[in-house]
């Protein structure tokens, strides 16, 4: 006899939102965060599901997130850059506020970018590119984190886990979506191994002295490693530059300096790029048909 309980995505969203609302988050923030956490559980990504509720509450308790921030969609002159000031709140609501303008501008221009500044971030990125793909757009999303990853050849943390996500629309099918950290694994995976009392796989991390380790505690006190050695290190550096320096927000070392700890959600910015495949193809081909064939 199983003691598991099956709960719908909608009910889980409401349950998580209720917990966050009781803790002091505004209803809009609680619901936006709840949707992202429920999506993590729906897609069997435990490191970004219900497990993240504790981190949200810890970040709030230490005063490092604004629970009732009202993100501001900044005025612009019709350019390809949409900007949202998250006002120190979690990024989820800021994205939801900026997404309609990003979709409209991408359809008008063929390409547009959404810049989110001054946000606190804990979440997976695939729900964002998934929403854009369901609107018929191709999309990329990326952000830095805080310095917990040693670059290829290094022995001290410098880069963040720096996730990257991509979405491609497929009519009458689920969109093609991927989302991965540029470290060997998401930092949340190390925390889950620590909680379970299990050793890490070889090649995931080094300790504070720069030596390879499979001990989660030593790894969390040391540094994670990039996937694919120099390749992952290069992609991670690109994300620091595009989604940190270029948008005028924190890089991962700056985010760590601002917080002084890796035990709560990091503060930085986020960059989302959207493309209209039909406009990009210019009538030369049917992008949907090519995408379905892959």
C-alpha atoms as a PDB file:
ATOM      1  CA  UNK A   1       0.000   0.000   0.000  1.00  0.00           C
ATOM      2  CA  UNK A   2       1.425   3.367  -1.068  1.00  0.00           C
ATOM      3  CA  UNK A   3       1.442   6.330   1.330  1.00  0.00           C
ATOM      4  CA  UNK A   4       1.987   8.837  -1.480  1.00  0.00           C
ATOM      5  CA  UNK A   5      -0.571  11.538  -2.278  1.00  0.00           C
ATOM      6  CA  UNK A   6      -1.359  12.676  -5.800  1.00  0.00           C
ATOM      7  CA  UNK A   7      -2.062  16.376  -6.160  1.00  0.00           C
ATOM      8  CA  UNK A   8      -2.829  18.361  -9.304  1.00  0.00           C
ATOM      9  CA  UNK A   9      -0.498  21.072 -10.558  1.00  0.00           C
ATOM     10  CA  UNK A  10      -3.220  23.658  -9.931  1.00  0.00           C
ATOM     11  CA  UNK A  11      -3.786  22.503  -6.362  1.00  0.00           C
ATOM     12  CA  UNK A  12      -0.052  22.405  -5.657  1.00  0.00           C
ATOM     13  CA  UNK A  13       0.294  25.960  -6.971  1.00  0.00           C
ATOM     14  CA  UNK A  14      -2.472  27.080  -4.608  1.00  0.00           C
ATOM     15  CA  UNK A  15      -0.938  25.170  -1.674  1.00  0.00           C
ATOM     16  CA  UNK A  16       2.519  26.690  -2.161  1.00  0.00           C
ATOM     17  CA  UNK A  17       1.022  30.137  -2.722  1.00  0.00           C
ATOM     18  CA  UNK A  18      -0.888  29.803   0.541  1.00  0.00           C
ATOM     19  CA  UNK A  19       2.271  28.979   2.482  1.00  0.00           C
ATOM     20  CA  UNK A  20       4.114  31.941   0.963  1.00  0.00           C
ATOM     21  CA  UNK A  21       1.162  34.273   1.478  1.00  0.00           C
ATOM     22  CA  UNK A  22       1.015  33.337   5.154  1.00  0.00           C
ATOM     23  CA  UNK A  23       4.732  34.094   5.440  1.00  0.00           C
ATOM     24  CA  UNK A  24       4.252  37.628   4.156  1.00  0.00           C
ATOM     25  CA  UNK A  25       4.507  37.534   0.368  1.00  0.00           C
ATOM     26  CA  UNK A  26       1.899  39.448  -1.613  1.00  0.00           C
ATOM     27  CA  UNK A  27      -0.733  37.362  -3.375  1.00  0.00           C
ATOM     28  CA  UNK A  28       0.748  38.165  -6.793  1.00  0.00           C
ATOM     29  CA  UNK A  29       4.249  37.084  -5.764  1.00  0.00           C
ATOM     30  CA  UNK A  30       3.003  33.996  -3.931  1.00  0.00           C
ATOM     31  CA  UNK A  31       1.026  32.818  -6.957  1.00  0.00           C
ATOM     32  CA  UNK A  32       3.813  33.496  -9.474  1.00  0.00           C
ATOM     33  CA  UNK A  33       6.347  31.629  -7.319  1.00  0.00           C
ATOM     34  CA  UNK A  34       3.852  28.832  -6.719  1.00  0.00           C
ATOM     35  CA  UNK A  35       3.375  28.332 -10.454  1.00  0.00           C
ATOM     36  CA  UNK A  36       7.111  27.916 -11.003  1.00  0.00           C
ATOM     37  CA  UNK A  37       7.547  25.522  -8.084  1.00  0.00           C
ATOM     38  CA  UNK A  38       4.581  23.422  -9.226  1.00  0.00           C
ATOM     39  CA  UNK A  39       6.104  23.255 -12.725  1.00  0.00           C
ATOM     40  CA  UNK A  40       9.295  21.856 -11.187  1.00  0.00           C
ATOM     41  CA  UNK A  41       7.358  19.077  -9.468  1.00  0.00           C
ATOM     42  CA  UNK A  42       5.273  18.450 -12.591  1.00  0.00           C
ATOM     43  CA  UNK A  43       8.425  17.869 -14.613  1.00  0.00           C
ATOM     44  CA  UNK A  44      10.106  15.751 -11.896  1.00  0.00           C
ATOM     45  CA  UNK A  45      12.819  18.319 -11.178  1.00  0.00           C
ATOM     46  CA  UNK A  46      12.943  17.944  -7.403  1.00  0.00           C
ATOM     47  CA  UNK A  47      15.800  20.429  -7.007  1.00  0.00           C
ATOM     48  CA  UNK A  48      13.503  23.213  -8.246  1.00  0.00           C
ATOM     49  CA  UNK A  49      10.185  21.994  -6.837  1.00  0.00           C
ATOM     50  CA  UNK A  50       8.698  22.097  -3.337  1.00  0.00           C
ATOM     51  CA  UNK A  51      12.212  21.847  -1.936  1.00  0.00           C
ATOM     52  CA  UNK A  52      12.661  25.514  -2.913  1.00  0.00           C
ATOM     53  CA  UNK A  53       9.919  26.775  -0.590  1.00  0.00           C
ATOM     54  CA  UNK A  54      12.289  26.618   2.386  1.00  0.00           C
ATOM     55  CA  UNK A  55      14.868  28.746   0.581  1.00  0.00           C
ATOM     56  CA  UNK A  56      12.242  31.352  -0.312  1.00  0.00           C
ATOM     57  CA  UNK A  57      11.184  31.587   3.325  1.00  0.00           C
ATOM     58  CA  UNK A  58      14.802  31.735   4.536  1.00  0.00           C
ATOM     59  CA  UNK A  59      15.556  34.553   2.081  1.00  0.00           C
ATOM     60  CA  UNK A  60      12.512  36.449   3.330  1.00  0.00           C
ATOM     61  CA  UNK A  61      13.424  35.905   6.996  1.00  0.00           C
ATOM     62  CA  UNK A  62      16.885  37.415   6.443  1.00  0.00           C
ATOM     63  CA  UNK A  63      15.367  40.438   4.706  1.00  0.00           C
ATOM     64  CA  UNK A  64      17.049  39.758   1.363  1.00  0.00           C
ATOM     65  CA  UNK A  65      13.899  39.860  -0.797  1.00  0.00           C
ATOM     66  CA  UNK A  66      11.065  42.378  -0.969  1.00  0.00           C
ATOM     67  CA  UNK A  67       7.913  40.246  -0.519  1.00  0.00           C
ATOM     68  CA  UNK A  68       5.441  42.847  -1.768  1.00  0.00           C
ATOM     69  CA  UNK A  69       7.558  44.501  -4.480  1.00  0.00           C
ATOM     70  CA  UNK A  70       5.576  45.812  -7.437  1.00  0.00           C
ATOM     71  CA  UNK A  71       7.699  45.224 -10.571  1.00  0.00           C
ATOM     72  CA  UNK A  72       7.726  48.170 -12.947  1.00  0.00           C
ATOM     73  CA  UNK A  73       7.529  47.802 -16.714  1.00  0.00           C
ATOM     74  CA  UNK A  74       9.784  50.636 -17.793  1.00  0.00           C
ATOM     75  CA  UNK A  75       8.746  53.129 -20.450  1.00  0.00           C
ATOM     76  CA  UNK A  76      10.507  52.789 -23.787  1.00  0.00           C
ATOM     77  CA  UNK A  77      10.375  54.172 -27.315  1.00  0.00           C
ATOM     78  CA  UNK A  78       9.345  51.009 -29.107  1.00  0.00           C
ATOM     79  CA  UNK A  79      12.827  49.523 -29.240  1.00  0.00           C
ATOM     80  CA  UNK A  80      13.579  45.809 -29.177  1.00  0.00           C
ATOM     81  CA  UNK A  81      14.513  45.965 -25.475  1.00  0.00           C
ATOM     82  CA  UNK A  82      11.774  45.567 -22.850  1.00  0.00           C
ATOM     83  CA  UNK A  83      12.921  46.301 -19.297  1.00  0.00           C
ATOM     84  CA  UNK A  84      11.327  45.408 -15.971  1.00  0.00           C
ATOM     85  CA  UNK A  85      12.604  46.666 -12.640  1.00  0.00           C
ATOM     86  CA  UNK A  86      11.823  43.871 -10.166  1.00  0.00           C
ATOM     87  CA  UNK A  87      12.346  46.226  -7.198  1.00  0.00           C
ATOM     88  CA  UNK A  88      14.138  43.541  -5.208  1.00  0.00           C
ATOM     89  CA  UNK A  89      11.336  40.964  -5.463  1.00  0.00           C
ATOM     90  CA  UNK A  90      11.543  37.458  -6.866  1.00  0.00           C
ATOM     91  CA  UNK A  91      11.919  37.343 -10.655  1.00  0.00           C
ATOM     92  CA  UNK A  92       8.834  35.209 -11.315  1.00  0.00           C
ATOM     93  CA  UNK A  93       6.307  38.047 -11.094  1.00  0.00           C
ATOM     94  CA  UNK A  94       8.607  40.436 -12.954  1.00  0.00           C
ATOM     95  CA  UNK A  95       8.732  37.980 -15.854  1.00  0.00           C
ATOM     96  CA  UNK A  96       4.953  37.573 -15.894  1.00  0.00           C
ATOM     97  CA  UNK A  97       4.578  41.353 -16.081  1.00  0.00           C
ATOM     98  CA  UNK A  98       7.124  41.701 -18.884  1.00  0.00           C
ATOM     99  CA  UNK A  99       6.176  38.642 -20.962  1.00  0.00           C
ATOM    100  CA  UNK A 100       3.101  40.126 -22.767  1.00  0.00           C
ATOM    101  CA  UNK A 101       5.124  43.156 -23.879  1.00  0.00           C
ATOM    102  CA  UNK A 102       7.992  40.873 -24.983  1.00  0.00           C
ATOM    103  CA  UNK A 103       5.629  38.733 -27.064  1.00  0.00           C
ATOM    104  CA  UNK A 104       3.990  41.767 -28.681  1.00  0.00           C
ATOM    105  CA  UNK A 105       7.314  43.433 -29.481  1.00  0.00           C
ATOM    106  CA  UNK A 106       8.822  40.219 -30.884  1.00  0.00           C
ATOM    107  CA  UNK A 107       5.885  39.756 -33.237  1.00  0.00           C
ATOM    108  CA  UNK A 108       6.263  43.351 -34.367  1.00  0.00           C
ATOM    109  CA  UNK A 109      10.041  43.406 -34.843  1.00  0.00           C
ATOM    110  CA  UNK A 110      10.943  39.745 -35.304  1.00  0.00           C
ATOM    111  CA  UNK A 111      13.260  39.857 -32.302  1.00  0.00           C
ATOM    112  CA  UNK A 112      13.107  41.393 -28.826  1.00  0.00           C
ATOM    113  CA  UNK A 113      14.768  41.100 -25.442  1.00  0.00           C
ATOM    114  CA  UNK A 114      13.366  41.255 -21.935  1.00  0.00           C
ATOM    115  CA  UNK A 115      15.783  42.566 -19.311  1.00  0.00           C
ATOM    116  CA  UNK A 116      14.856  42.018 -15.659  1.00  0.00           C
ATOM    117  CA  UNK A 117      16.917  44.057 -13.212  1.00  0.00           C
ATOM    118  CA  UNK A 118      17.258  43.942  -9.416  1.00  0.00           C
ATOM    119  CA  UNK A 119      15.521  40.616  -8.919  1.00  0.00           C
ATOM    120  CA  UNK A 120      15.977  37.825  -6.425  1.00  0.00           C
ATOM    121  CA  UNK A 121      16.150  34.489  -8.237  1.00  0.00           C
ATOM    122  CA  UNK A 122      15.767  30.855  -7.230  1.00  0.00           C
ATOM    123  CA  UNK A 123      13.831  29.317 -10.071  1.00  0.00           C
ATOM    124  CA  UNK A 124      14.172  27.117 -13.087  1.00  0.00           C
ATOM    125  CA  UNK A 125      14.072  29.017 -16.385  1.00  0.00           C
ATOM    126  CA  UNK A 126      12.200  26.524 -18.556  1.00  0.00           C
ATOM    127  CA  UNK A 127       8.678  27.673 -17.516  1.00  0.00           C
ATOM    128  CA  UNK A 128       9.551  31.061 -19.023  1.00  0.00           C
ATOM    129  CA  UNK A 129      10.800  29.832 -22.399  1.00  0.00           C
ATOM    130  CA  UNK A 130       7.962  27.280 -22.408  1.00  0.00           C
ATOM    131  CA  UNK A 131       5.394  30.091 -22.146  1.00  0.00           C
ATOM    132  CA  UNK A 132       7.053  31.978 -24.999  1.00  0.00           C
ATOM    133  CA  UNK A 133       7.252  28.857 -27.162  1.00  0.00           C
ATOM    134  CA  UNK A 134       3.564  28.219 -26.573  1.00  0.00           C
ATOM    135  CA  UNK A 135       3.015  31.737 -27.974  1.00  0.00           C
ATOM    136  CA  UNK A 136       4.787  30.645 -31.171  1.00  0.00           C
ATOM    137  CA  UNK A 137       8.192  32.163 -30.418  1.00  0.00           C
ATOM    138  CA  UNK A 138      11.653  30.703 -30.045  1.00  0.00           C
ATOM    139  CA  UNK A 139      13.302  31.869 -26.856  1.00  0.00           C
ATOM    140  CA  UNK A 140      16.446  31.792 -24.749  1.00  0.00           C
ATOM    141  CA  UNK A 141      16.759  32.713 -21.068  1.00  0.00           C
ATOM    142  CA  UNK A 142      19.846  33.057 -18.923  1.00  0.00           C
ATOM    143  CA  UNK A 143      21.053  34.530 -15.654  1.00  0.00           C
ATOM    144  CA  UNK A 144      24.098  34.532 -13.395  1.00  0.00           C
ATOM    145  CA  UNK A 145      23.882  33.318  -9.809  1.00  0.00           C
ATOM    146  CA  UNK A 146      26.483  33.745  -7.064  1.00  0.00           C
ATOM    147  CA  UNK A 147      30.068  32.581  -7.246  1.00  0.00           C
ATOM    148  CA  UNK A 148      30.031  28.870  -6.404  1.00  0.00           C
ATOM    149  CA  UNK A 149      31.700  27.355  -9.484  1.00  0.00           C
ATOM    150  CA  UNK A 150      35.422  27.199 -10.250  1.00  0.00           C
ATOM    151  CA  UNK A 151      36.269  27.960 -13.895  1.00  0.00           C
ATOM    152  CA  UNK A 152      38.100  25.323 -15.903  1.00  0.00           C
ATOM    153  CA  UNK A 153      41.586  24.976 -14.465  1.00  0.00           C
ATOM    154  CA  UNK A 154      40.701  26.996 -11.372  1.00  0.00           C
ATOM    155  CA  UNK A 155      40.488  25.945  -7.725  1.00  0.00           C
ATOM    156  CA  UNK A 156      38.279  28.685  -6.259  1.00  0.00           C
ATOM    157  CA  UNK A 157      34.662  29.706  -6.985  1.00  0.00           C
ATOM    158  CA  UNK A 158      34.329  32.553  -9.497  1.00  0.00           C
ATOM    159  CA  UNK A 159      31.344  31.758 -11.734  1.00  0.00           C
ATOM    160  CA  UNK A 160      27.741  31.026 -10.859  1.00  0.00           C
ATOM    161  CA  UNK A 161      25.815  27.909 -11.830  1.00  0.00           C
ATOM    162  CA  UNK A 162      24.534  30.235 -14.565  1.00  0.00           C
ATOM    163  CA  UNK A 163      21.549  28.401 -16.082  1.00  0.00           C
ATOM    164  CA  UNK A 164      20.557  28.586 -19.744  1.00  0.00           C
ATOM    165  CA  UNK A 165      17.182  27.621 -21.209  1.00  0.00           C
ATOM    166  CA  UNK A 166      15.851  27.326 -24.766  1.00  0.00           C
ATOM    167  CA  UNK A 167      12.347  26.852 -26.135  1.00  0.00           C
ATOM    168  CA  UNK A 168      11.102  26.107 -29.668  1.00  0.00           C
ATOM    169  CA  UNK A 169       7.409  26.162 -30.695  1.00  0.00           C
ATOM    170  CA  UNK A 170       5.827  23.049 -32.221  1.00  0.00           C
ATOM    171  CA  UNK A 171       2.205  23.499 -33.354  1.00  0.00           C
ATOM    172  CA  UNK A 172      -0.190  20.928 -31.884  1.00  0.00           C
ATOM    173  CA  UNK A 173       2.636  19.434 -29.792  1.00  0.00           C
ATOM    174  CA  UNK A 174       4.491  20.269 -26.643  1.00  0.00           C
ATOM    175  CA  UNK A 175       7.289  22.752 -27.352  1.00  0.00           C
ATOM    176  CA  UNK A 176      10.881  21.571 -27.442  1.00  0.00           C
ATOM    177  CA  UNK A 177      12.468  22.906 -24.257  1.00  0.00           C
ATOM    178  CA  UNK A 178      15.697  22.415 -22.344  1.00  0.00           C
ATOM    179  CA  UNK A 179      17.151  24.070 -19.266  1.00  0.00           C
ATOM    180  CA  UNK A 180      20.479  23.296 -17.622  1.00  0.00           C
ATOM    181  CA  UNK A 181      23.041  24.779 -15.281  1.00  0.00           C
ATOM    182  CA  UNK A 182      26.458  25.397 -16.772  1.00  0.00           C
ATOM    183  CA  UNK A 183      27.910  23.664 -13.704  1.00  0.00           C
ATOM    184  CA  UNK A 184      27.984  19.854 -13.781  1.00  0.00           C
ATOM    185  CA  UNK A 185      24.720  19.895 -11.797  1.00  0.00           C
ATOM    186  CA  UNK A 186      22.462  22.484 -10.211  1.00  0.00           C
ATOM    187  CA  UNK A 187      23.552  23.552  -6.728  1.00  0.00           C
ATOM    188  CA  UNK A 188      20.237  22.293  -5.434  1.00  0.00           C
ATOM    189  CA  UNK A 189      21.289  18.784  -6.451  1.00  0.00           C
ATOM    190  CA  UNK A 190      24.287  18.994  -4.078  1.00  0.00           C
ATOM    191  CA  UNK A 191      21.968  20.071  -1.288  1.00  0.00           C
ATOM    192  CA  UNK A 192      19.673  17.112  -1.986  1.00  0.00           C
ATOM    193  CA  UNK A 193      22.650  14.714  -1.861  1.00  0.00           C
ATOM    194  CA  UNK A 194      23.677  16.269   1.458  1.00  0.00           C
ATOM    195  CA  UNK A 195      20.199  15.841   2.895  1.00  0.00           C
ATOM    196  CA  UNK A 196      20.089  12.224   1.757  1.00  0.00           C
ATOM    197  CA  UNK A 197      23.538  11.492   3.220  1.00  0.00           C
ATOM    198  CA  UNK A 198      24.808  10.267  -0.147  1.00  0.00           C
ATOM    199  CA  UNK A 199      28.194  10.888  -1.807  1.00  0.00           C
ATOM    200  CA  UNK A 200      28.331  12.988  -4.955  1.00  0.00           C
ATOM    201  CA  UNK A 201      29.321  11.470  -8.297  1.00  0.00           C
ATOM    202  CA  UNK A 202      32.992  11.869  -9.181  1.00  0.00           C
ATOM    203  CA  UNK A 203      33.872  15.044 -11.036  1.00  0.00           C
ATOM    204  CA  UNK A 204      31.160  17.270  -9.625  1.00  0.00           C
ATOM    205  CA  UNK A 205      33.094  19.365  -7.145  1.00  0.00           C
ATOM    206  CA  UNK A 206      36.271  20.306  -5.314  1.00  0.00           C
ATOM    207  CA  UNK A 207      36.780  21.120  -1.621  1.00  0.00           C
ATOM    208  CA  UNK A 208      37.997  24.420  -0.163  1.00  0.00           C
ATOM    209  CA  UNK A 209      41.621  23.375  -0.843  1.00  0.00           C
ATOM    210  CA  UNK A 210      40.907  22.669  -4.507  1.00  0.00           C
ATOM    211  CA  UNK A 211      40.975  18.877  -4.180  1.00  0.00           C
ATOM    212  CA  UNK A 212      38.352  16.648  -5.858  1.00  0.00           C
ATOM    213  CA  UNK A 213      35.651  15.552  -3.430  1.00  0.00           C
ATOM    214  CA  UNK A 214      32.466  13.485  -3.316  1.00  0.00           C
ATOM    215  CA  UNK A 215      31.459  14.833   0.105  1.00  0.00           C
ATOM    216  CA  UNK A 216      28.474  17.208  -0.330  1.00  0.00           C
ATOM    217  CA  UNK A 217      29.437  19.231   2.742  1.00  0.00           C
ATOM    218  CA  UNK A 218      32.988  19.710   1.474  1.00  0.00           C
ATOM    219  CA  UNK A 219      31.680  20.535  -1.992  1.00  0.00           C
ATOM    220  CA  UNK A 220      29.276  23.176  -0.678  1.00  0.00           C
ATOM    221  CA  UNK A 221      32.172  24.725   1.244  1.00  0.00           C
ATOM    222  CA  UNK A 222      34.433  24.490  -1.819  1.00  0.00           C
ATOM    223  CA  UNK A 223      33.325  24.849  -5.422  1.00  0.00           C
ATOM    224  CA  UNK A 224      31.327  23.068  -8.071  1.00  0.00           C
ATOM    225  CA  UNK A 225      32.840  22.353 -11.487  1.00  0.00           C
ATOM    226  CA  UNK A 226      31.572  23.417 -14.920  1.00  0.00           C
ATOM    227  CA  UNK A 227      30.179  20.783 -17.254  1.00  0.00           C
ATOM    228  CA  UNK A 228      32.437  19.903 -20.162  1.00  0.00           C
ATOM    229  CA  UNK A 229      35.450  21.597 -18.544  1.00  0.00           C
ATOM    230  CA  UNK A 230      36.470  24.588 -20.705  1.00  0.00           C
ATOM    231  CA  UNK A 231      33.257  24.404 -22.763  1.00  0.00           C
ATOM    232  CA  UNK A 232      30.907  24.841 -19.832  1.00  0.00           C
ATOM    233  CA  UNK A 233      33.283  27.401 -18.347  1.00  0.00           C
ATOM    234  CA  UNK A 234      33.150  29.454 -21.556  1.00  0.00           C
ATOM    235  CA  UNK A 235      29.334  29.348 -21.758  1.00  0.00           C
ATOM    236  CA  UNK A 236      29.094  30.318 -18.099  1.00  0.00           C
ATOM    237  CA  UNK A 237      31.414  33.281 -18.691  1.00  0.00           C
ATOM    238  CA  UNK A 238      29.276  34.337 -21.674  1.00  0.00           C
ATOM    239  CA  UNK A 239      26.215  34.379 -19.387  1.00  0.00           C
ATOM    240  CA  UNK A 240      28.080  36.495 -16.811  1.00  0.00           C
ATOM    241  CA  UNK A 241      28.761  39.027 -19.558  1.00  0.00           C
ATOM    242  CA  UNK A 242      25.368  39.003 -21.320  1.00  0.00           C
ATOM    243  CA  UNK A 243      23.031  38.624 -18.337  1.00  0.00           C
ATOM    244  CA  UNK A 244      25.190  40.488 -15.833  1.00  0.00           C
ATOM    245  CA  UNK A 245      27.585  43.078 -17.219  1.00  0.00           C
ATOM    246  CA  UNK A 246      25.641  43.897 -20.403  1.00  0.00           C
ATOM    247  CA  UNK A 247      22.331  44.559 -18.634  1.00  0.00           C
ATOM    248  CA  UNK A 248      23.950  46.624 -15.897  1.00  0.00           C
ATOM    249  CA  UNK A 249      23.371  44.127 -13.115  1.00  0.00           C
ATOM    250  CA  UNK A 250      25.380  41.930 -10.746  1.00  0.00           C
ATOM    251  CA  UNK A 251      27.826  39.321 -11.942  1.00  0.00           C
ATOM    252  CA  UNK A 252      28.080  36.210  -9.748  1.00  0.00           C
ATOM    253  CA  UNK A 253      31.023  37.502  -7.645  1.00  0.00           C
ATOM    254  CA  UNK A 254      29.136  40.772  -7.081  1.00  0.00           C
ATOM    255  CA  UNK A 255      25.993  38.887  -6.091  1.00  0.00           C
ATOM    256  CA  UNK A 256      27.950  36.893  -3.515  1.00  0.00           C
ATOM    257  CA  UNK A 257      29.554  40.069  -2.150  1.00  0.00           C
ATOM    258  CA  UNK A 258      26.099  41.652  -1.834  1.00  0.00           C
ATOM    259  CA  UNK A 259      24.608  38.702   0.061  1.00  0.00           C
ATOM    260  CA  UNK A 260      27.641  37.429   1.944  1.00  0.00           C
ATOM    261  CA  UNK A 261      26.213  33.884   1.922  1.00  0.00           C
ATOM    262  CA  UNK A 262      25.131  31.123  -0.439  1.00  0.00           C
ATOM    263  CA  UNK A 263      22.387  29.865   1.889  1.00  0.00           C
ATOM    264  CA  UNK A 264      19.674  32.100   0.410  1.00  0.00           C
ATOM    265  CA  UNK A 265      18.471  33.012  -3.064  1.00  0.00           C
ATOM    266  CA  UNK A 266      20.878  35.240  -5.042  1.00  0.00           C
ATOM    267  CA  UNK A 267      20.218  38.793  -6.206  1.00  0.00           C
ATOM    268  CA  UNK A 268      21.039  39.686  -9.828  1.00  0.00           C
ATOM    269  CA  UNK A 269      19.321  40.190 -13.190  1.00  0.00           C
ATOM    270  CA  UNK A 270      17.970  38.024 -15.993  1.00  0.00           C
ATOM    271  CA  UNK A 271      18.000  38.205 -19.787  1.00  0.00           C
ATOM    272  CA  UNK A 272      15.353  36.628 -22.027  1.00  0.00           C
ATOM    273  CA  UNK A 273      15.704  36.707 -25.827  1.00  0.00           C
ATOM    274  CA  UNK A 274      12.723  35.986 -28.097  1.00  0.00           C
ATOM    275  CA  UNK A 275      12.577  35.351 -31.850  1.00  0.00           C
ATOM    276  CA  UNK A 276       9.643  35.096 -34.260  1.00  0.00           C
ATOM    277  CA  UNK A 277      10.556  32.087 -36.469  1.00  0.00           C
ATOM    278  CA  UNK A 278       8.187  33.186 -39.255  1.00  0.00           C
ATOM    279  CA  UNK A 279       9.704  36.659 -39.430  1.00  0.00           C
ATOM    280  CA  UNK A 280      13.218  35.251 -39.208  1.00  0.00           C
ATOM    281  CA  UNK A 281      12.610  32.800 -42.060  1.00  0.00           C
ATOM    282  CA  UNK A 282      11.327  35.609 -44.291  1.00  0.00           C
ATOM    283  CA  UNK A 283       9.147  33.236 -46.300  1.00  0.00           C
ATOM    284  CA  UNK A 284      12.029  30.989 -47.316  1.00  0.00           C
ATOM    285  CA  UNK A 285      10.702  27.985 -45.389  1.00  0.00           C
ATOM    286  CA  UNK A 286       8.135  26.852 -42.862  1.00  0.00           C
ATOM    287  CA  UNK A 287      10.035  26.920 -39.539  1.00  0.00           C
ATOM    288  CA  UNK A 288       7.330  24.866 -37.826  1.00  0.00           C
ATOM    289  CA  UNK A 289       7.620  22.028 -40.320  1.00  0.00           C
ATOM    290  CA  UNK A 290      11.411  21.947 -39.982  1.00  0.00           C
ATOM    291  CA  UNK A 291      11.128  21.990 -36.209  1.00  0.00           C
ATOM    292  CA  UNK A 292       8.686  19.085 -36.148  1.00  0.00           C
ATOM    293  CA  UNK A 293      11.043  17.025 -38.281  1.00  0.00           C
ATOM    294  CA  UNK A 294      13.839  17.289 -35.731  1.00  0.00           C
END
